[in-house]
């Protein structure tokens, strides 16, 4: 067929990916915490950190993050951390993951009022991150006002 006889066809429009609706704040929360594994390892002084479980917060439950830290000497530490009861927001607040990093950088001790019984934790104990954060802020307050 002669190309001169072919009809002129306009180019197809570029594909536009449509959003499936508003972003899912709970899924963003889970994705952000899972991606923070390397940051958690650095904060704890570990070689690696694997985020084994993430449960986003909701009106009826606390946020939950289970991290397994692996150290250079072969030691492993399984830590379950609990956040506040709330709703994840579309703004992508980073409060919980930053608080987890702060806890891992400051304390891996096995004593303190922020450690609470938890049947779902590997060793039966979880870190109440908001309680630890409140204690850490209260302890830092006299230092900040003394200088």
N, C-alpha and C. Protein backbone atom coordinates (compact mmCIF):
# COMPACT_ATOMS: atom_id res chain seq x y z
N UNK A 1 0.84 -1.17 0.00
CA UNK A 1 0.00 0.00 0.00
C UNK A 1 0.89 1.23 0.00
N UNK A 2 0.48 2.18 -0.72
CA UNK A 2 1.22 3.44 -0.82
C UNK A 2 0.96 4.25 0.44
N UNK A 3 2.03 4.76 1.07
CA UNK A 3 1.86 5.52 2.32
C UNK A 3 1.11 6.80 2.10
N UNK A 4 1.05 7.29 0.89
CA UNK A 4 0.32 8.52 0.62
C UNK A 4 -1.18 8.30 0.76
N UNK A 5 -1.62 7.06 0.63
CA UNK A 5 -3.04 6.77 0.71
C UNK A 5 -3.51 6.45 2.13
N UNK A 6 -2.56 6.31 3.07
CA UNK A 6 -2.95 6.02 4.46
C UNK A 6 -3.56 7.26 5.09
N UNK A 7 -4.60 7.05 5.90
CA UNK A 7 -5.19 8.21 6.57
C UNK A 7 -4.24 8.74 7.65
N UNK A 8 -4.29 10.02 7.86
CA UNK A 8 -3.46 10.64 8.89
C UNK A 8 -4.14 10.40 10.23
N UNK A 9 -3.40 9.78 11.13
CA UNK A 9 -3.93 9.47 12.45
C UNK A 9 -3.16 10.32 13.46
N UNK A 10 -3.88 11.07 14.29
CA UNK A 10 -3.16 11.88 15.28
C UNK A 10 -2.47 10.98 16.30
N UNK A 11 -1.38 11.45 16.89
CA UNK A 11 -0.68 10.62 17.89
C UNK A 11 -1.57 10.39 19.10
N UNK A 12 -1.33 9.26 19.75
CA UNK A 12 -2.07 8.94 20.96
C UNK A 12 -1.65 9.87 22.09
N UNK A 13 -2.58 10.23 22.93
CA UNK A 13 -2.19 11.07 24.07
C UNK A 13 -1.30 10.28 25.03
N UNK A 14 -0.47 10.99 25.75
CA UNK A 14 0.40 10.34 26.74
C UNK A 14 -0.45 9.71 27.83
N UNK A 15 0.02 8.57 28.32
CA UNK A 15 -0.71 7.90 29.39
C UNK A 15 -0.58 8.71 30.68
N UNK A 16 -1.68 8.90 31.31
CA UNK A 16 -1.70 9.61 32.58
C UNK A 16 -2.17 8.63 33.64
N UNK A 17 -1.33 8.45 34.65
CA UNK A 17 -1.71 7.53 35.73
C UNK A 17 -2.65 8.26 36.68
N UNK A 18 -3.81 7.70 36.84
CA UNK A 18 -4.78 8.28 37.75
C UNK A 18 -4.55 7.78 39.15
N UNK A 19 -4.76 8.64 40.08
CA UNK A 19 -4.66 8.25 41.48
C UNK A 19 -5.85 7.38 41.83
N UNK A 20 -5.63 6.42 42.69
CA UNK A 20 -6.72 5.56 43.12
C UNK A 20 -7.53 6.21 44.23
N UNK A 21 -7.39 7.48 44.38
CA UNK A 21 -8.09 8.20 45.44
C UNK A 21 -7.06 8.83 46.36
N UNK A 22 -7.51 9.27 47.50
CA UNK A 22 -6.56 9.90 48.42
C UNK A 22 -5.51 8.88 48.89
N UNK A 23 -4.33 9.37 49.17
CA UNK A 23 -3.28 8.45 49.60
C UNK A 23 -3.68 7.77 50.90
N UNK A 24 -3.27 6.57 51.04
CA UNK A 24 -3.59 5.78 52.22
C UNK A 24 -2.55 6.06 53.29
N UNK A 25 -2.92 6.85 54.28
CA UNK A 25 -1.98 7.27 55.33
C UNK A 25 -1.44 6.07 56.10
N UNK A 26 -2.25 5.07 56.33
CA UNK A 26 -1.79 3.89 57.07
C UNK A 26 -0.72 3.15 56.28
N UNK A 27 -0.92 3.03 54.97
CA UNK A 27 0.08 2.34 54.16
C UNK A 27 1.36 3.17 54.08
N UNK A 28 1.25 4.48 54.02
CA UNK A 28 2.44 5.33 54.02
C UNK A 28 3.20 5.17 55.34
N UNK A 29 2.49 5.06 56.44
CA UNK A 29 3.11 4.85 57.74
C UNK A 29 3.92 3.55 57.74
N UNK A 30 3.31 2.48 57.24
CA UNK A 30 3.97 1.17 57.20
C UNK A 30 5.19 1.25 56.29
N UNK A 31 5.05 1.82 55.13
CA UNK A 31 6.15 1.93 54.17
C UNK A 31 7.31 2.73 54.75
N UNK A 32 6.99 3.84 55.41
CA UNK A 32 8.03 4.70 55.99
C UNK A 32 8.81 3.95 57.08
N UNK A 33 8.11 3.23 57.95
CA UNK A 33 8.80 2.50 59.01
C UNK A 33 9.63 1.34 58.46
N UNK A 34 9.11 0.64 57.47
CA UNK A 34 9.88 -0.45 56.87
C UNK A 34 11.14 0.08 56.19
N UNK A 35 11.04 1.23 55.56
CA UNK A 35 12.19 1.83 54.89
C UNK A 35 13.21 2.39 55.87
N UNK A 36 12.83 2.59 57.12
CA UNK A 36 13.72 3.17 58.12
C UNK A 36 14.66 2.14 58.75
N UNK A 37 14.59 0.89 58.33
CA UNK A 37 15.46 -0.15 58.88
C UNK A 37 16.92 0.24 58.95
N UNK A 38 17.53 0.72 57.86
CA UNK A 38 18.93 1.13 57.93
C UNK A 38 19.18 2.25 58.94
N UNK A 39 18.25 3.19 59.06
CA UNK A 39 18.39 4.27 60.05
C UNK A 39 18.32 3.71 61.47
N UNK A 40 17.46 2.71 61.68
CA UNK A 40 17.36 2.09 62.99
C UNK A 40 18.66 1.37 63.34
N UNK A 41 19.27 0.71 62.35
CA UNK A 41 20.54 0.01 62.59
C UNK A 41 21.62 0.99 63.00
N UNK A 42 21.74 2.09 62.29
CA UNK A 42 22.76 3.11 62.61
C UNK A 42 22.52 3.66 64.01
N UNK A 43 21.27 3.96 64.33
CA UNK A 43 20.94 4.54 65.64
C UNK A 43 21.32 3.59 66.76
N UNK A 44 21.12 2.30 66.57
CA UNK A 44 21.38 1.31 67.62
C UNK A 44 22.83 0.83 67.63
N UNK A 45 23.61 1.24 66.63
CA UNK A 45 24.99 0.76 66.54
C UNK A 45 25.06 -0.67 66.05
N UNK A 46 24.04 -1.10 65.33
CA UNK A 46 23.97 -2.47 64.82
C UNK A 46 24.45 -2.51 63.37
N UNK A 47 24.78 -3.70 62.90
CA UNK A 47 25.14 -3.87 61.49
C UNK A 47 23.92 -3.75 60.59
N UNK A 48 22.83 -4.40 61.01
CA UNK A 48 21.60 -4.37 60.23
C UNK A 48 20.40 -4.30 61.17
N UNK A 49 19.30 -3.87 60.59
CA UNK A 49 18.02 -3.88 61.31
C UNK A 49 16.95 -4.29 60.30
N UNK A 50 16.16 -5.27 60.70
CA UNK A 50 15.05 -5.72 59.86
C UNK A 50 13.77 -5.37 60.59
N UNK A 51 12.91 -4.64 59.90
CA UNK A 51 11.61 -4.28 60.48
C UNK A 51 10.67 -5.44 60.16
N UNK A 52 10.42 -6.26 61.16
CA UNK A 52 9.64 -7.48 60.95
C UNK A 52 8.13 -7.25 60.95
N UNK A 53 7.69 -6.24 61.69
CA UNK A 53 6.25 -6.01 61.81
C UNK A 53 6.00 -4.52 62.00
N UNK A 54 4.99 -4.03 61.31
CA UNK A 54 4.54 -2.65 61.51
C UNK A 54 3.01 -2.67 61.52
N UNK A 55 2.44 -2.08 62.53
CA UNK A 55 0.99 -1.93 62.62
C UNK A 55 0.71 -0.44 62.78
N UNK A 56 -0.02 0.16 61.85
CA UNK A 56 -0.29 1.59 61.96
C UNK A 56 -1.24 1.88 63.11
N UNK A 57 -1.18 3.08 63.64
CA UNK A 57 -2.08 3.43 64.74
C UNK A 57 -3.52 3.57 64.23
N UNK A 58 -4.43 3.44 65.14
CA UNK A 58 -5.85 3.64 64.84
C UNK A 58 -6.53 4.11 66.12
N UNK A 59 -7.80 4.45 66.00
CA UNK A 59 -8.53 4.93 67.19
C UNK A 59 -8.52 3.92 68.31
N UNK A 60 -8.49 2.65 67.96
CA UNK A 60 -8.63 1.58 68.96
C UNK A 60 -7.34 0.81 69.24
N UNK A 61 -6.23 1.19 68.59
CA UNK A 61 -4.98 0.46 68.84
C UNK A 61 -3.77 1.36 68.69
N UNK A 62 -2.72 0.93 69.35
CA UNK A 62 -1.46 1.67 69.31
C UNK A 62 -0.66 1.27 68.08
N UNK A 63 0.17 2.20 67.62
CA UNK A 63 1.13 1.86 66.57
C UNK A 63 2.08 0.83 67.16
N UNK A 64 2.61 -0.03 66.30
CA UNK A 64 3.49 -1.10 66.76
C UNK A 64 4.57 -1.31 65.71
N UNK A 65 5.79 -1.46 66.18
CA UNK A 65 6.91 -1.71 65.28
C UNK A 65 7.83 -2.73 65.94
N UNK A 66 8.12 -3.80 65.23
CA UNK A 66 9.03 -4.83 65.74
C UNK A 66 10.28 -4.81 64.88
N UNK A 67 11.42 -4.61 65.51
CA UNK A 67 12.70 -4.50 64.82
C UNK A 67 13.65 -5.55 65.35
N UNK A 68 14.33 -6.25 64.45
CA UNK A 68 15.37 -7.19 64.84
C UNK A 68 16.71 -6.56 64.45
N UNK A 69 17.53 -6.31 65.46
CA UNK A 69 18.86 -5.71 65.27
C UNK A 69 19.90 -6.82 65.26
N UNK A 70 20.83 -6.74 64.32
CA UNK A 70 21.93 -7.72 64.26
C UNK A 70 23.24 -6.96 64.41
N UNK A 71 24.03 -7.37 65.39
CA UNK A 71 25.28 -6.70 65.71
C UNK A 71 26.47 -7.45 65.13
N UNK A 72 27.62 -6.78 65.07
CA UNK A 72 28.83 -7.35 64.47
C UNK A 72 29.28 -8.63 65.15
N UNK A 73 29.05 -8.75 66.46
CA UNK A 73 29.49 -9.95 67.19
C UNK A 73 28.53 -11.13 67.02
N UNK A 74 27.52 -10.96 66.17
CA UNK A 74 26.57 -12.04 65.92
C UNK A 74 25.35 -11.99 66.81
N UNK A 75 25.35 -11.10 67.79
CA UNK A 75 24.23 -10.97 68.72
C UNK A 75 23.02 -10.37 67.98
N UNK A 76 21.83 -10.85 68.34
CA UNK A 76 20.58 -10.31 67.80
C UNK A 76 19.74 -9.78 68.93
N UNK A 77 19.04 -8.71 68.65
CA UNK A 77 18.13 -8.12 69.64
C UNK A 77 16.81 -7.86 68.97
N UNK A 78 15.75 -8.45 69.49
CA UNK A 78 14.40 -8.29 68.95
C UNK A 78 13.67 -7.29 69.84
N UNK A 79 13.28 -6.14 69.29
CA UNK A 79 12.69 -5.07 70.08
C UNK A 79 11.31 -4.75 69.52
N UNK A 80 10.31 -4.74 70.39
CA UNK A 80 8.96 -4.32 70.00
C UNK A 80 8.71 -2.96 70.62
N UNK A 81 8.27 -2.03 69.77
CA UNK A 81 8.05 -0.65 70.21
C UNK A 81 6.60 -0.27 69.96
N UNK A 82 5.99 0.37 70.95
CA UNK A 82 4.59 0.79 70.85
C UNK A 82 4.52 2.30 70.76
N UNK A 83 3.67 2.78 69.88
CA UNK A 83 3.44 4.22 69.74
C UNK A 83 2.12 4.60 70.36
N UNK A 84 1.69 5.82 70.09
CA UNK A 84 0.42 6.27 70.66
C UNK A 84 -0.78 5.70 69.92
N UNK A 85 -1.93 5.79 70.54
CA UNK A 85 -3.19 5.48 69.88
C UNK A 85 -3.59 6.75 69.15
N UNK A 86 -3.72 6.67 67.86
CA UNK A 86 -4.10 7.84 67.06
C UNK A 86 -4.46 7.36 65.67
N UNK A 87 -4.66 8.29 64.79
CA UNK A 87 -4.88 7.95 63.40
C UNK A 87 -3.70 8.45 62.59
N UNK A 88 -3.20 7.62 61.66
CA UNK A 88 -2.14 8.14 60.80
C UNK A 88 -2.70 9.25 59.94
N UNK A 89 -1.90 10.23 59.64
CA UNK A 89 -2.38 11.36 58.85
C UNK A 89 -1.76 11.34 57.47
N UNK A 90 -2.41 11.96 56.52
CA UNK A 90 -1.91 12.04 55.16
C UNK A 90 -0.69 12.95 55.08
N UNK A 91 -0.46 13.76 56.09
CA UNK A 91 0.70 14.67 56.06
C UNK A 91 2.00 13.90 56.14
N UNK A 92 1.94 12.67 56.55
CA UNK A 92 3.16 11.88 56.63
C UNK A 92 4.03 12.27 57.81
N UNK A 93 3.42 12.50 58.95
CA UNK A 93 4.20 12.86 60.13
C UNK A 93 5.23 11.79 60.42
N UNK A 94 6.40 12.21 60.84
CA UNK A 94 7.49 11.28 61.08
C UNK A 94 7.77 11.12 62.57
N UNK A 95 6.85 11.46 63.40
CA UNK A 95 7.13 11.44 64.83
C UNK A 95 7.52 10.06 65.34
N UNK A 96 6.78 9.03 65.01
CA UNK A 96 7.03 7.72 65.60
C UNK A 96 8.37 7.15 65.14
N UNK A 97 8.66 7.20 63.85
CA UNK A 97 9.94 6.64 63.39
C UNK A 97 11.12 7.41 63.95
N UNK A 98 11.00 8.71 64.13
CA UNK A 98 12.09 9.49 64.73
C UNK A 98 12.23 9.18 66.22
N UNK A 99 11.12 8.95 66.90
CA UNK A 99 11.18 8.57 68.31
C UNK A 99 11.81 7.19 68.47
N UNK A 100 11.51 6.27 67.56
CA UNK A 100 12.13 4.94 67.60
C UNK A 100 13.63 5.08 67.43
N UNK A 101 14.05 5.89 66.47
CA UNK A 101 15.49 6.11 66.26
C UNK A 101 16.14 6.68 67.51
N UNK A 102 15.48 7.64 68.13
CA UNK A 102 16.03 8.26 69.35
C UNK A 102 16.15 7.23 70.46
N UNK A 103 15.15 6.40 70.62
CA UNK A 103 15.21 5.36 71.66
C UNK A 103 16.37 4.41 71.39
N UNK A 104 16.48 3.94 70.16
CA UNK A 104 17.54 2.99 69.82
C UNK A 104 18.93 3.60 70.01
N UNK A 105 19.05 4.89 69.78
CA UNK A 105 20.34 5.56 69.94
C UNK A 105 20.70 5.77 71.41
N UNK A 106 19.69 5.93 72.26
CA UNK A 106 19.93 6.26 73.66
C UNK A 106 19.88 5.08 74.61
N UNK A 107 19.06 4.08 74.30
CA UNK A 107 18.81 3.07 75.32
C UNK A 107 18.42 1.74 74.71
N UNK A 108 19.14 0.73 75.06
CA UNK A 108 18.69 -0.62 74.77
C UNK A 108 18.66 -1.40 76.08
N UNK A 109 18.57 -0.67 77.16
CA UNK A 109 18.54 -1.29 78.47
C UNK A 109 17.29 -2.11 78.69
N UNK A 110 17.34 -2.96 79.69
CA UNK A 110 16.20 -3.82 79.98
C UNK A 110 15.51 -3.41 81.27
N UNK A 111 15.64 -2.12 81.61
CA UNK A 111 15.01 -1.65 82.84
C UNK A 111 14.47 -0.25 82.63
N UNK A 112 13.28 0.01 83.13
CA UNK A 112 12.70 1.33 83.05
C UNK A 112 11.19 1.25 83.05
N UNK A 113 10.52 2.31 83.50
CA UNK A 113 9.06 2.28 83.57
C UNK A 113 8.39 2.32 82.19
N UNK A 114 9.16 2.57 81.14
CA UNK A 114 8.61 2.59 79.78
C UNK A 114 8.54 1.19 79.17
N UNK A 115 9.07 0.20 79.87
CA UNK A 115 8.95 -1.19 79.41
C UNK A 115 7.66 -1.78 79.96
N UNK A 116 6.82 -2.26 79.07
CA UNK A 116 5.49 -2.72 79.47
C UNK A 116 5.28 -4.17 79.01
N UNK A 117 4.49 -4.93 79.76
CA UNK A 117 4.19 -6.30 79.34
C UNK A 117 3.45 -6.30 78.00
N UNK A 118 3.83 -7.22 77.15
CA UNK A 118 3.20 -7.32 75.83
C UNK A 118 3.24 -8.77 75.39
N UNK A 119 2.08 -9.40 75.29
CA UNK A 119 2.00 -10.82 74.92
C UNK A 119 2.50 -11.08 73.50
N UNK A 120 2.45 -10.06 72.64
CA UNK A 120 2.84 -10.27 71.24
C UNK A 120 4.33 -10.01 71.00
N UNK A 121 5.03 -9.45 71.97
CA UNK A 121 6.46 -9.19 71.81
C UNK A 121 7.24 -10.48 71.97
N UNK A 122 8.39 -10.56 71.31
CA UNK A 122 9.22 -11.77 71.33
C UNK A 122 9.57 -12.19 72.75
N UNK A 123 9.99 -11.23 73.59
CA UNK A 123 10.38 -11.55 74.97
C UNK A 123 9.31 -11.18 76.00
N UNK A 124 8.11 -10.84 75.51
CA UNK A 124 7.00 -10.52 76.40
C UNK A 124 7.01 -9.11 76.94
N UNK A 125 7.93 -8.27 76.43
CA UNK A 125 8.05 -6.88 76.89
C UNK A 125 8.17 -5.98 75.68
N UNK A 126 7.50 -4.83 75.73
CA UNK A 126 7.59 -3.84 74.65
C UNK A 126 7.99 -2.50 75.23
N UNK A 127 8.52 -1.66 74.37
CA UNK A 127 8.91 -0.31 74.76
C UNK A 127 7.74 0.63 74.47
N UNK A 128 7.26 1.31 75.50
CA UNK A 128 6.23 2.33 75.34
C UNK A 128 6.96 3.61 74.93
N UNK A 129 7.06 3.86 73.63
CA UNK A 129 7.87 4.97 73.12
C UNK A 129 7.38 6.32 73.63
N UNK A 130 6.07 6.61 73.66
CA UNK A 130 5.64 7.90 74.21
C UNK A 130 6.05 8.08 75.68
N UNK A 131 5.99 7.00 76.48
CA UNK A 131 6.40 7.10 77.88
C UNK A 131 7.90 7.35 77.97
N UNK A 132 8.70 6.67 77.13
CA UNK A 132 10.15 6.89 77.13
C UNK A 132 10.47 8.32 76.68
N UNK A 133 9.77 8.80 75.66
CA UNK A 133 10.00 10.15 75.16
C UNK A 133 9.69 11.19 76.22
N UNK A 134 8.58 10.99 76.94
CA UNK A 134 8.22 11.93 78.01
C UNK A 134 9.28 11.94 79.11
N UNK A 135 9.78 10.76 79.49
CA UNK A 135 10.83 10.67 80.51
C UNK A 135 12.12 11.34 80.04
N UNK A 136 12.49 11.07 78.77
CA UNK A 136 13.72 11.65 78.21
C UNK A 136 13.61 13.17 78.14
N UNK A 137 12.44 13.68 77.77
CA UNK A 137 12.24 15.13 77.70
C UNK A 137 12.29 15.74 79.09
N UNK A 138 11.68 15.08 80.07
CA UNK A 138 11.70 15.59 81.46
C UNK A 138 13.11 15.57 82.02
N UNK A 139 13.88 14.55 81.70
CA UNK A 139 15.26 14.46 82.19
C UNK A 139 16.13 15.52 81.53
N UNK A 140 15.87 15.86 80.28
CA UNK A 140 16.68 16.86 79.57
C UNK A 140 16.29 18.28 79.95
N UNK A 141 15.13 18.48 80.50
CA UNK A 141 14.64 19.82 80.82
C UNK A 141 15.53 20.56 81.80
N UNK A 142 15.95 19.98 82.92
CA UNK A 142 16.82 20.71 83.85
C UNK A 142 18.16 21.09 83.20
N UNK A 143 18.69 20.22 82.33
CA UNK A 143 19.94 20.53 81.65
C UNK A 143 19.78 21.71 80.72
N UNK A 144 18.66 21.79 80.04
CA UNK A 144 18.43 22.87 79.08
C UNK A 144 18.26 24.21 79.79
N UNK A 145 17.66 24.21 80.97
CA UNK A 145 17.43 25.46 81.68
C UNK A 145 18.64 25.86 82.52
N UNK A 146 19.54 24.91 82.83
CA UNK A 146 20.71 25.22 83.64
C UNK A 146 21.77 25.97 82.85
N UNK A 147 21.82 25.78 81.53
CA UNK A 147 22.87 26.37 80.69
C UNK A 147 22.54 27.72 80.30
